Each structure stands twice: as structure tokens, then as C-alpha cells.
N, C-alpha and C. Protein backbone atom coordinates (compact mmCIF):
# COMPACT_ATOMS: atom_id res chain seq x y z
N MET A 1 2.82 170.21 -23.41
CA MET A 1 3.97 169.59 -22.80
C MET A 1 4.53 170.58 -21.79
N VAL A 2 4.92 170.05 -20.64
CA VAL A 2 5.44 170.89 -19.57
C VAL A 2 6.90 170.53 -19.31
N GLY A 3 7.75 171.56 -19.28
CA GLY A 3 9.17 171.40 -19.00
C GLY A 3 9.48 171.67 -17.55
N GLY A 4 10.74 171.53 -17.19
CA GLY A 4 11.17 171.60 -15.82
C GLY A 4 11.26 172.96 -15.18
N GLY A 5 10.98 174.03 -15.90
CA GLY A 5 11.01 175.36 -15.31
C GLY A 5 9.76 175.64 -14.48
N LYS A 6 9.84 176.66 -13.65
CA LYS A 6 8.67 177.06 -12.87
C LYS A 6 7.59 177.55 -13.82
N VAL A 7 6.37 177.14 -13.55
CA VAL A 7 5.24 177.51 -14.40
C VAL A 7 4.14 178.09 -13.53
N ARG A 8 3.71 179.29 -13.86
CA ARG A 8 2.58 179.88 -13.13
C ARG A 8 1.32 179.08 -13.45
N LYS A 9 0.46 178.92 -12.46
CA LYS A 9 -0.77 178.16 -12.67
C LYS A 9 -1.61 178.80 -13.78
N SER A 10 -1.64 180.12 -13.84
CA SER A 10 -2.43 180.80 -14.87
C SER A 10 -1.93 180.46 -16.27
N LEU A 11 -0.61 180.35 -16.44
CA LEU A 11 -0.05 179.98 -17.74
C LEU A 11 -0.37 178.53 -18.07
N LEU A 12 -0.25 177.65 -17.08
CA LEU A 12 -0.58 176.24 -17.30
C LEU A 12 -2.05 176.09 -17.67
N CYS A 13 -2.92 176.81 -16.98
CA CYS A 13 -4.36 176.74 -17.29
C CYS A 13 -4.64 177.25 -18.70
N ALA A 14 -3.97 178.33 -19.09
CA ALA A 14 -4.16 178.86 -20.44
C ALA A 14 -3.71 177.85 -21.48
N ALA A 15 -2.60 177.18 -21.23
CA ALA A 15 -2.11 176.16 -22.16
C ALA A 15 -3.10 174.99 -22.23
N ILE A 16 -3.63 174.58 -21.09
CA ILE A 16 -4.58 173.47 -21.05
C ILE A 16 -5.87 173.82 -21.79
N ASP A 17 -6.26 175.10 -21.77
CA ASP A 17 -7.44 175.52 -22.54
C ASP A 17 -7.26 175.25 -24.03
N HIS A 18 -6.03 175.38 -24.51
CA HIS A 18 -5.73 175.18 -25.94
C HIS A 18 -5.32 173.75 -26.26
N ALA A 19 -4.70 173.08 -25.32
CA ALA A 19 -4.18 171.72 -25.53
C ALA A 19 -4.38 170.95 -24.22
N PRO A 20 -5.52 170.28 -24.06
CA PRO A 20 -5.89 169.70 -22.77
C PRO A 20 -5.16 168.43 -22.34
N ARG A 21 -4.32 167.87 -23.17
CA ARG A 21 -3.60 166.65 -22.79
C ARG A 21 -2.21 167.05 -22.29
N ILE A 22 -1.89 166.71 -21.04
CA ILE A 22 -0.64 167.14 -20.42
C ILE A 22 0.39 166.02 -20.48
N VAL A 23 1.54 166.34 -21.08
CA VAL A 23 2.71 165.46 -21.06
C VAL A 23 3.79 166.24 -20.31
N ALA A 24 4.37 165.61 -19.30
CA ALA A 24 5.41 166.24 -18.51
C ALA A 24 6.76 165.64 -18.85
N ALA A 25 7.74 166.51 -19.01
CA ALA A 25 9.12 166.08 -19.25
C ALA A 25 9.77 165.85 -17.88
N ASP A 26 9.91 164.58 -17.50
CA ASP A 26 10.61 164.19 -16.28
C ASP A 26 10.07 164.91 -15.05
N GLY A 27 10.91 165.64 -14.34
CA GLY A 27 10.55 166.29 -13.09
C GLY A 27 9.48 167.35 -13.21
N ALA A 28 9.14 167.76 -14.42
CA ALA A 28 8.05 168.73 -14.61
C ALA A 28 6.74 168.18 -14.09
N ALA A 29 6.65 166.87 -13.96
CA ALA A 29 5.43 166.26 -13.41
C ALA A 29 5.14 166.82 -12.02
N GLN A 30 6.17 167.14 -11.26
CA GLN A 30 5.98 167.69 -9.92
C GLN A 30 5.30 169.05 -9.99
N GLU A 31 5.65 169.87 -10.97
CA GLU A 31 5.03 171.18 -11.15
C GLU A 31 3.56 171.00 -11.55
N VAL A 32 3.29 170.03 -12.42
CA VAL A 32 1.92 169.76 -12.84
C VAL A 32 1.08 169.32 -11.63
N LEU A 33 1.61 168.40 -10.86
CA LEU A 33 0.91 167.92 -9.65
C LEU A 33 0.71 169.05 -8.64
N ARG A 34 1.72 169.90 -8.48
CA ARG A 34 1.64 171.02 -7.53
C ARG A 34 0.47 171.94 -7.85
N HIS A 35 0.16 172.06 -9.14
CA HIS A 35 -0.95 172.93 -9.56
C HIS A 35 -2.29 172.18 -9.61
N GLY A 36 -2.30 170.94 -9.16
CA GLY A 36 -3.57 170.21 -9.05
C GLY A 36 -3.99 169.44 -10.29
N PHE A 37 -3.07 169.21 -11.20
CA PHE A 37 -3.38 168.47 -12.41
C PHE A 37 -2.62 167.14 -12.41
N MET A 38 -3.10 166.20 -13.21
CA MET A 38 -2.44 164.91 -13.36
C MET A 38 -1.95 164.79 -14.81
N PRO A 39 -0.65 164.58 -15.01
CA PRO A 39 -0.17 164.43 -16.38
C PRO A 39 -0.68 163.13 -17.00
N GLU A 40 -0.99 163.19 -18.28
CA GLU A 40 -1.40 161.99 -19.00
C GLU A 40 -0.20 161.07 -19.20
N ALA A 41 0.97 161.68 -19.36
CA ALA A 41 2.21 160.92 -19.52
C ALA A 41 3.37 161.71 -18.94
N VAL A 42 4.33 160.98 -18.38
CA VAL A 42 5.58 161.56 -17.93
C VAL A 42 6.67 160.81 -18.68
N ILE A 43 7.50 161.56 -19.40
CA ILE A 43 8.52 160.96 -20.25
C ILE A 43 9.87 161.55 -19.89
N GLY A 44 10.87 160.70 -19.71
CA GLY A 44 12.22 161.19 -19.44
C GLY A 44 13.07 160.13 -18.79
N ASP A 45 14.27 160.53 -18.37
CA ASP A 45 15.17 159.57 -17.72
C ASP A 45 14.92 159.47 -16.22
N PHE A 46 14.03 160.28 -15.70
CA PHE A 46 13.57 160.28 -14.31
C PHE A 46 14.68 160.62 -13.32
N ASP A 47 15.66 161.38 -13.77
CA ASP A 47 16.72 161.80 -12.85
C ASP A 47 16.27 162.95 -11.96
N SER A 48 15.16 163.61 -12.30
CA SER A 48 14.67 164.70 -11.46
C SER A 48 13.23 164.49 -10.99
N LEU A 49 12.69 163.31 -11.20
CA LEU A 49 11.34 163.00 -10.73
C LEU A 49 11.43 162.33 -9.37
N SER A 50 10.81 162.95 -8.38
CA SER A 50 10.89 162.41 -7.02
C SER A 50 10.11 161.11 -6.87
N GLU A 51 10.53 160.31 -5.92
CA GLU A 51 9.82 159.05 -5.63
C GLU A 51 8.39 159.34 -5.18
N ALA A 52 8.20 160.40 -4.43
CA ALA A 52 6.85 160.76 -3.96
C ALA A 52 5.93 161.06 -5.16
N SER A 53 6.46 161.77 -6.15
CA SER A 53 5.66 162.07 -7.35
C SER A 53 5.38 160.80 -8.14
N LYS A 54 6.38 159.92 -8.25
CA LYS A 54 6.17 158.64 -8.96
C LYS A 54 5.04 157.85 -8.32
N ARG A 55 4.96 157.87 -7.01
CA ARG A 55 3.89 157.12 -6.32
C ARG A 55 2.51 157.71 -6.58
N ARG A 56 2.43 158.99 -6.83
CA ARG A 56 1.14 159.65 -7.08
C ARG A 56 0.62 159.42 -8.49
N ILE A 57 1.50 159.01 -9.39
CA ILE A 57 1.14 158.86 -10.80
C ILE A 57 1.05 157.37 -11.15
N SER A 58 -0.01 157.01 -11.82
CA SER A 58 -0.21 155.63 -12.24
C SER A 58 0.98 155.14 -13.07
N GLN A 59 1.41 153.92 -12.82
CA GLN A 59 2.57 153.34 -13.51
C GLN A 59 2.43 153.37 -15.03
N ASP A 60 1.21 153.22 -15.54
CA ASP A 60 1.02 153.20 -16.99
C ASP A 60 1.22 154.58 -17.62
N ARG A 61 1.35 155.62 -16.81
CA ARG A 61 1.61 156.97 -17.30
C ARG A 61 3.09 157.33 -17.25
N LEU A 62 3.90 156.50 -16.63
CA LEU A 62 5.32 156.76 -16.48
C LEU A 62 6.10 156.05 -17.58
N HIS A 63 6.84 156.81 -18.38
CA HIS A 63 7.58 156.28 -19.52
C HIS A 63 9.06 156.64 -19.35
N GLU A 64 9.78 155.76 -18.68
CA GLU A 64 11.18 156.01 -18.40
C GLU A 64 12.04 155.65 -19.61
N ILE A 65 12.85 156.60 -20.05
CA ILE A 65 13.76 156.42 -21.18
C ILE A 65 15.16 156.67 -20.62
N SER A 66 15.94 155.63 -20.44
CA SER A 66 17.19 155.77 -19.71
C SER A 66 18.35 156.31 -20.54
N GLU A 67 18.25 156.30 -21.87
CA GLU A 67 19.39 156.76 -22.68
C GLU A 67 19.71 158.22 -22.38
N GLN A 68 20.98 158.57 -22.53
CA GLN A 68 21.45 159.92 -22.20
C GLN A 68 21.93 160.70 -23.42
N ASP A 69 21.54 160.27 -24.61
CA ASP A 69 21.96 160.96 -25.84
C ASP A 69 21.00 162.07 -26.26
N SER A 70 19.91 162.23 -25.52
CA SER A 70 18.94 163.27 -25.84
C SER A 70 18.43 163.90 -24.54
N THR A 71 17.85 165.08 -24.68
CA THR A 71 17.26 165.75 -23.52
C THR A 71 15.87 165.18 -23.27
N ASP A 72 15.31 165.48 -22.11
CA ASP A 72 13.95 165.04 -21.81
C ASP A 72 12.96 165.69 -22.78
N PHE A 73 13.22 166.92 -23.19
CA PHE A 73 12.40 167.60 -24.19
C PHE A 73 12.39 166.80 -25.49
N GLU A 74 13.56 166.38 -25.95
CA GLU A 74 13.65 165.58 -27.17
C GLU A 74 12.98 164.23 -27.00
N LYS A 75 13.14 163.62 -25.83
CA LYS A 75 12.49 162.33 -25.56
C LYS A 75 10.97 162.47 -25.70
N CYS A 76 10.43 163.56 -25.16
CA CYS A 76 8.99 163.78 -25.26
C CYS A 76 8.56 163.99 -26.71
N LEU A 77 9.21 164.91 -27.40
CA LEU A 77 8.82 165.23 -28.77
C LEU A 77 8.88 164.01 -29.68
N SER A 78 9.85 163.13 -29.45
CA SER A 78 9.99 161.98 -30.33
C SER A 78 9.00 160.85 -30.00
N ARG A 79 8.27 160.98 -28.91
CA ARG A 79 7.39 159.89 -28.50
C ARG A 79 5.91 160.26 -28.41
N ILE A 80 5.58 161.48 -28.76
CA ILE A 80 4.17 161.85 -28.79
C ILE A 80 3.76 162.09 -30.23
N GLU A 81 2.50 161.83 -30.50
CA GLU A 81 1.96 162.04 -31.84
C GLU A 81 0.90 163.12 -31.75
N ALA A 82 1.21 164.27 -32.34
CA ALA A 82 0.29 165.40 -32.31
C ALA A 82 0.63 166.35 -33.45
N PRO A 83 -0.37 166.98 -34.04
CA PRO A 83 -0.09 167.94 -35.10
C PRO A 83 0.51 169.24 -34.57
N LEU A 84 0.31 169.52 -33.28
CA LEU A 84 0.81 170.73 -32.65
C LEU A 84 1.17 170.41 -31.21
N VAL A 85 2.31 170.88 -30.77
CA VAL A 85 2.72 170.71 -29.38
C VAL A 85 2.89 172.10 -28.79
N LEU A 86 2.20 172.35 -27.71
CA LEU A 86 2.31 173.62 -27.00
C LEU A 86 3.06 173.34 -25.71
N GLY A 87 4.15 174.04 -25.50
CA GLY A 87 4.97 173.77 -24.32
C GLY A 87 5.07 174.95 -23.39
N VAL A 88 5.07 174.68 -22.09
CA VAL A 88 5.32 175.69 -21.06
C VAL A 88 6.39 175.14 -20.14
N GLY A 89 7.13 176.04 -19.51
CA GLY A 89 8.19 175.59 -18.61
C GLY A 89 9.50 175.33 -19.31
N PHE A 90 9.60 175.72 -20.57
CA PHE A 90 10.83 175.62 -21.34
C PHE A 90 11.29 177.04 -21.65
N GLU A 91 12.56 177.23 -21.86
CA GLU A 91 13.09 178.53 -22.28
C GLU A 91 12.65 179.66 -21.37
N GLY A 92 12.85 179.50 -20.08
CA GLY A 92 12.57 180.58 -19.15
C GLY A 92 11.12 180.67 -18.73
N GLY A 93 10.32 179.64 -18.99
CA GLY A 93 8.94 179.62 -18.52
C GLY A 93 7.93 180.22 -19.48
N GLY A 94 8.35 180.65 -20.67
CA GLY A 94 7.41 181.19 -21.64
C GLY A 94 6.79 180.08 -22.48
N TRP A 95 6.18 180.47 -23.58
CA TRP A 95 5.56 179.51 -24.48
C TRP A 95 6.59 178.96 -25.44
N THR A 96 6.50 177.68 -25.74
CA THR A 96 7.26 177.06 -26.81
C THR A 96 6.24 176.33 -27.67
N ILE A 97 6.30 176.55 -28.96
CA ILE A 97 5.35 175.89 -29.85
C ILE A 97 6.13 175.12 -30.90
N SER A 98 5.74 173.88 -31.11
CA SER A 98 6.38 173.06 -32.13
C SER A 98 5.30 172.48 -33.03
N TRP A 99 5.36 172.81 -34.30
CA TRP A 99 4.42 172.23 -35.25
C TRP A 99 5.02 170.96 -35.81
N ARG A 100 4.20 169.94 -35.88
CA ARG A 100 4.64 168.67 -36.48
C ARG A 100 3.49 168.18 -37.34
N ARG A 101 3.81 167.47 -38.37
CA ARG A 101 2.76 166.87 -39.18
C ARG A 101 2.02 165.82 -38.36
N CYS A 102 0.75 165.75 -38.58
CA CYS A 102 -0.05 164.74 -37.88
C CYS A 102 0.44 163.36 -38.30
N MET A 103 0.66 162.49 -37.34
CA MET A 103 1.23 161.17 -37.62
C MET A 103 0.15 160.10 -37.62
N VAL A 104 -1.02 160.40 -38.20
CA VAL A 104 -2.13 159.47 -38.22
C VAL A 104 -2.00 158.56 -39.42
């Protein structure tokens, strides 16, 4: 999962080596696209996702959640199913790891 902070391409590539499915939190999709990757899903209220980026991403990958009671990070975590989530671009651009039980 990629957050809205600046992410070095080397860090994004290292994360992709361990977790190859990219989910972007809202405007983080622009950072993913800038580095030459396509997010599998973009989740958030889309208050920071540019129209140009929206046009580059297939509509079926865009998951707009308009409620304002949670952050885009929380919106992503509550809507993906994975035993482990590896995040970059959160908390100053370092690694964020969230373990969750597999929801199979």
C-alpha cells in the first residue's frame, strides 16, 4: 500500500519485490504512476487525486469512498484482504507494516 508521502523509486521497488500488488491511498496513485507503475486499486475520498491521474487509471481500479470519518489509510486497510500489508509513503516515507489475519 502506498501513502501520500514522497516515495523513492528504490523503496517502492523493494516493497513491490515483497508485495507485488499495489494499492494506492488516494493521491498516492500519482506517485505510483510517476515511478512507472499502475496501482491495482486506488482507494480514498479522491480529494487529492488529480483528474489527469484518474484518466490514466481504469475506472474499475478506482474506489471512491466519500465518507469523512476515516483517513484514506483507514479506508484502504478496511477494504483490502491480505494477511500482511506493507506500506510505503506513510509516516515520513519509511516502512509501515500491518499484520492482519487472512480473511479467506
